[in-house]
Amino acid sequence: MNDGMADLTPTDDKRYLRGAQVTDENGIVEFTTIWPGWYRGRTVHIHAMVHVGDQRTLTTQVMFDEDLNAKVFKEKPYSGHTGRDTFNDRDTIYKPSMLMKVSEDGDGYLAVITFAVDPDKNGK
């Protein structure tokens, strides 16, 4: 049996900015986080998985518009981390459908995306 819940169990104490949320009755999840960083060879992104019951039905990533990334990375504390080498247009995983819709919200941003899943595909 495929136990998709294993994805939610930490394997060490070095996992940062990880979490699991349960949707409300409308299938909506809300969470607060910092702007994600980047690492060599990848654009700025957030990993996401969707489980239906105990089965993983979607594994994906979501990205941000590059103009907005540039704006955020000009501000502290992000401005101290330089040398970004990969942007959306050069990332091998990026697809335009992975871009979140982002709007300013108080002193931060609100990002929204809709995931469609097929529970019969078992994450494939």
C-alpha atoms as a PDB file:
ATOM      1  CA  MET A   1       0.000   0.000   0.000  1.00  0.00           C
ATOM      2  CA  ASN A   2       1.263   3.493  -0.862  1.00  0.00           C
ATOM      3  CA  ASP A   3       1.363   5.419   2.409  1.00  0.00           C
ATOM      4  CA  GLY A   4       1.332   8.989   1.079  1.00  0.00           C
ATOM      5  CA  MET A   5       1.386  10.303   4.644  1.00  0.00           C
ATOM      6  CA  ALA A   6       5.101   9.471   4.940  1.00  0.00           C
ATOM      7  CA  ASP A   7       5.725  12.806   3.171  1.00  0.00           C
ATOM      8  CA  LEU A   8       4.486  14.576   6.297  1.00  0.00           C
ATOM      9  CA  THR A   9       6.865  12.901   8.742  1.00  0.00           C
ATOM     10  CA  PRO A  10      10.184  14.749   9.363  1.00  0.00           C
ATOM     11  CA  THR A  11      13.219  12.538   8.812  1.00  0.00           C
ATOM     12  CA  ASP A  12      15.707  14.797  10.612  1.00  0.00           C
ATOM     13  CA  ASP A  13      15.962  18.106  12.470  1.00  0.00           C
ATOM     14  CA  LYS A  14      17.301  20.018   9.445  1.00  0.00           C
ATOM     15  CA  ARG A  15      13.983  20.633   7.666  1.00  0.00           C
ATOM     16  CA  TYR A  16      13.013  24.291   7.661  1.00  0.00           C
ATOM     17  CA  LEU A  17       9.850  25.992   6.450  1.00  0.00           C
ATOM     18  CA  ARG A  18       8.008  22.709   6.119  1.00  0.00           C
ATOM     19  CA  GLY A  19       4.424  22.182   7.118  1.00  0.00           C
ATOM     20  CA  ALA A  20       1.149  20.500   6.420  1.00  0.00           C
ATOM     21  CA  GLN A  21      -2.266  22.096   6.237  1.00  0.00           C
ATOM     22  CA  VAL A  22      -5.750  20.660   5.921  1.00  0.00           C
ATOM     23  CA  THR A  23      -8.192  22.368   3.574  1.00  0.00           C
ATOM     24  CA  ASP A  24     -11.389  23.914   4.819  1.00  0.00           C
ATOM     25  CA  GLU A  25     -14.814  22.785   3.568  1.00  0.00           C
ATOM     26  CA  ASN A  26     -14.196  24.768   0.351  1.00  0.00           C
ATOM     27  CA  GLY A  27     -10.849  23.084  -0.353  1.00  0.00           C
ATOM     28  CA  ILE A  28      -8.858  26.206   0.587  1.00  0.00           C
ATOM     29  CA  VAL A  29      -5.601  26.288   2.541  1.00  0.00           C
ATOM     30  CA  GLU A  30      -4.090  29.477   3.947  1.00  0.00           C
ATOM     31  CA  PHE A  31      -0.645  29.856   5.510  1.00  0.00           C
ATOM     32  CA  THR A  32       1.820  32.613   6.319  1.00  0.00           C
ATOM     33  CA  THR A  33       5.488  32.306   5.401  1.00  0.00           C
ATOM     34  CA  ILE A  34       8.518  34.341   4.390  1.00  0.00           C
ATOM     35  CA  TRP A  35       9.451  34.976   0.758  1.00  0.00           C
ATOM     36  CA  PRO A  36      11.264  31.816  -0.324  1.00  0.00           C
ATOM     37  CA  GLY A  37      14.936  31.973  -1.097  1.00  0.00           C
ATOM     38  CA  TRP A  38      16.725  30.479  -4.057  1.00  0.00           C
ATOM     39  CA  TYR A  39      19.599  28.145  -4.609  1.00  0.00           C
ATOM     40  CA  ARG A  40      22.021  27.529  -7.445  1.00  0.00           C
ATOM     41  CA  GLY A  41      20.364  26.191 -10.581  1.00  0.00           C
ATOM     42  CA  ARG A  42      16.761  26.892  -9.509  1.00  0.00           C
ATOM     43  CA  THR A  43      14.385  29.813  -9.622  1.00  0.00           C
ATOM     44  CA  VAL A  44      12.493  31.010  -6.547  1.00  0.00           C
ATOM     45  CA  HIS A  45       9.837  28.391  -5.769  1.00  0.00           C
ATOM     46  CA  ILE A  46       7.705  26.648  -3.174  1.00  0.00           C
ATOM     47  CA  HIS A  47       7.165  22.886  -3.183  1.00  0.00           C
ATOM     48  CA  ALA A  48       3.620  21.636  -2.735  1.00  0.00           C
ATOM     49  CA  MET A  49       1.956  18.251  -2.400  1.00  0.00           C
ATOM     50  CA  VAL A  50      -1.740  17.474  -2.326  1.00  0.00           C
ATOM     51  CA  HIS A  51      -3.066  14.413  -0.519  1.00  0.00           C
ATOM     52  CA  VAL A  52      -6.590  13.085  -0.867  1.00  0.00           C
ATOM     53  CA  GLY A  53      -7.166  10.754   2.037  1.00  0.00           C
ATOM     54  CA  ASP A  54      -3.861   8.973   2.522  1.00  0.00           C
ATOM     55  CA  GLN A  55      -2.851   9.141  -1.157  1.00  0.00           C
ATOM     56  CA  ARG A  56      -0.572  11.768  -2.666  1.00  0.00           C
ATOM     57  CA  THR A  57      -2.373  13.002  -5.770  1.00  0.00           C
ATOM     58  CA  LEU A  58      -0.175  15.918  -6.805  1.00  0.00           C
ATOM     59  CA  THR A  59       3.458  16.930  -6.368  1.00  0.00           C
ATOM     60  CA  THR A  60       4.333  20.313  -7.843  1.00  0.00           C
ATOM     61  CA  GLN A  61       6.077  23.631  -7.349  1.00  0.00           C
ATOM     62  CA  VAL A  62       4.800  27.183  -7.566  1.00  0.00           C
ATOM     63  CA  MET A  63       6.741  30.253  -8.631  1.00  0.00           C
ATOM     64  CA  PHE A  64       6.593  34.047  -8.529  1.00  0.00           C
ATOM     65  CA  ASP A  65       6.739  36.661 -11.285  1.00  0.00           C
ATOM     66  CA  GLU A  66      10.339  37.779 -11.850  1.00  0.00           C
ATOM     67  CA  ASP A  67       9.561  41.499 -11.570  1.00  0.00           C
ATOM     68  CA  LEU A  68       8.156  40.856  -8.109  1.00  0.00           C
ATOM     69  CA  ASN A  69      11.122  38.650  -7.153  1.00  0.00           C
ATOM     70  CA  ALA A  70      13.448  41.508  -8.148  1.00  0.00           C
ATOM     71  CA  LYS A  71      11.453  43.984  -6.047  1.00  0.00           C
ATOM     72  CA  VAL A  72      11.512  41.746  -2.961  1.00  0.00           C
ATOM     73  CA  PHE A  73      15.206  40.872  -3.308  1.00  0.00           C
ATOM     74  CA  LYS A  74      16.162  44.580  -3.327  1.00  0.00           C
ATOM     75  CA  GLU A  75      14.867  44.868   0.258  1.00  0.00           C
ATOM     76  CA  LYS A  76      16.528  43.752   3.490  1.00  0.00           C
ATOM     77  CA  PRO A  77      17.146  41.087   4.607  1.00  0.00           C
ATOM     78  CA  TYR A  78      17.040  39.597   1.101  1.00  0.00           C
ATOM     79  CA  SER A  79      19.368  42.181  -0.461  1.00  0.00           C
ATOM     80  CA  GLY A  80      22.321  40.623   1.377  1.00  0.00           C
ATOM     81  CA  HIS A  81      21.964  37.373  -0.572  1.00  0.00           C
ATOM     82  CA  THR A  82      23.308  38.027  -4.078  1.00  0.00           C
ATOM     83  CA  GLY A  83      24.431  35.982  -7.064  1.00  0.00           C
ATOM     84  CA  ARG A  84      21.145  34.474  -8.133  1.00  0.00           C
ATOM     85  CA  ASP A  85      21.907  32.444 -11.275  1.00  0.00           C
ATOM     86  CA  THR A  86      18.565  31.005 -12.405  1.00  0.00           C
ATOM     87  CA  PHE A  87      15.355  32.819 -13.256  1.00  0.00           C
ATOM     88  CA  ASN A  88      11.983  31.486 -14.383  1.00  0.00           C
ATOM     89  CA  ASP A  89      12.878  31.533 -18.076  1.00  0.00           C
ATOM     90  CA  ARG A  90      15.960  29.317 -17.490  1.00  0.00           C
ATOM     91  CA  ASP A  91      14.557  26.971 -14.842  1.00  0.00           C
ATOM     92  CA  THR A  92      14.081  23.444 -16.229  1.00  0.00           C
ATOM     93  CA  ILE A  93      10.923  22.837 -14.171  1.00  0.00           C
ATOM     94  CA  TYR A  94       9.196  26.215 -14.583  1.00  0.00           C
ATOM     95  CA  LYS A  95       5.942  26.437 -16.544  1.00  0.00           C
ATOM     96  CA  PRO A  96       3.788  29.575 -16.781  1.00  0.00           C
ATOM     97  CA  SER A  97       0.929  27.652 -15.132  1.00  0.00           C
ATOM     98  CA  MET A  98       3.062  27.449 -11.957  1.00  0.00           C
ATOM     99  CA  LEU A  99       3.009  31.238 -11.466  1.00  0.00           C
ATOM    100  CA  MET A 100       0.963  32.366  -8.508  1.00  0.00           C
ATOM    101  CA  LYS A 101      -1.264  35.424  -8.731  1.00  0.00           C
ATOM    102  CA  VAL A 102       0.210  37.857  -6.218  1.00  0.00           C
ATOM    103  CA  SER A 103      -1.151  41.117  -4.841  1.00  0.00           C
ATOM    104  CA  GLU A 104       0.098  43.488  -2.160  1.00  0.00           C
ATOM    105  CA  ASP A 105      -1.559  42.900   1.200  1.00  0.00           C
ATOM    106  CA  GLY A 106      -0.670  45.273   4.015  1.00  0.00           C
ATOM    107  CA  ASP A 107       3.086  45.051   4.567  1.00  0.00           C
ATOM    108  CA  GLY A 108       3.348  41.783   2.632  1.00  0.00           C
ATOM    109  CA  TYR A 109       1.825  39.911  -0.275  1.00  0.00           C
ATOM    110  CA  LEU A 110      -1.058  37.541  -0.861  1.00  0.00           C
ATOM    111  CA  ALA A 111      -0.329  34.749  -3.350  1.00  0.00           C
ATOM    112  CA  VAL A 112      -3.051  32.536  -4.804  1.00  0.00           C
ATOM    113  CA  ILE A 113      -3.054  29.460  -7.032  1.00  0.00           C
ATOM    114  CA  THR A 114      -5.567  26.709  -7.768  1.00  0.00           C
ATOM    115  CA  PHE A 115      -4.476  23.075  -7.901  1.00  0.00           C
ATOM    116  CA  ALA A 116      -6.490  20.489  -9.806  1.00  0.00           C
ATOM    117  CA  VAL A 117      -5.964  16.885  -8.772  1.00  0.00           C
ATOM    118  CA  ASP A 118      -7.082  13.467  -9.921  1.00  0.00           C
ATOM    119  CA  PRO A 119      -7.157  11.065  -6.958  1.00  0.00           C
ATOM    120  CA  ASP A 120      -7.046   8.055  -9.298  1.00  0.00           C
ATOM    121  CA  LYS A 121      -3.589   8.985 -10.631  1.00  0.00           C
ATOM    122  CA  ASN A 122      -1.769   8.408  -7.292  1.00  0.00           C
ATOM    123  CA  GLY A 123       0.576  11.374  -7.708  1.00  0.00           C
ATOM    124  CA  LYS A 124       1.486  10.665 -11.335  1.00  0.00           C
END
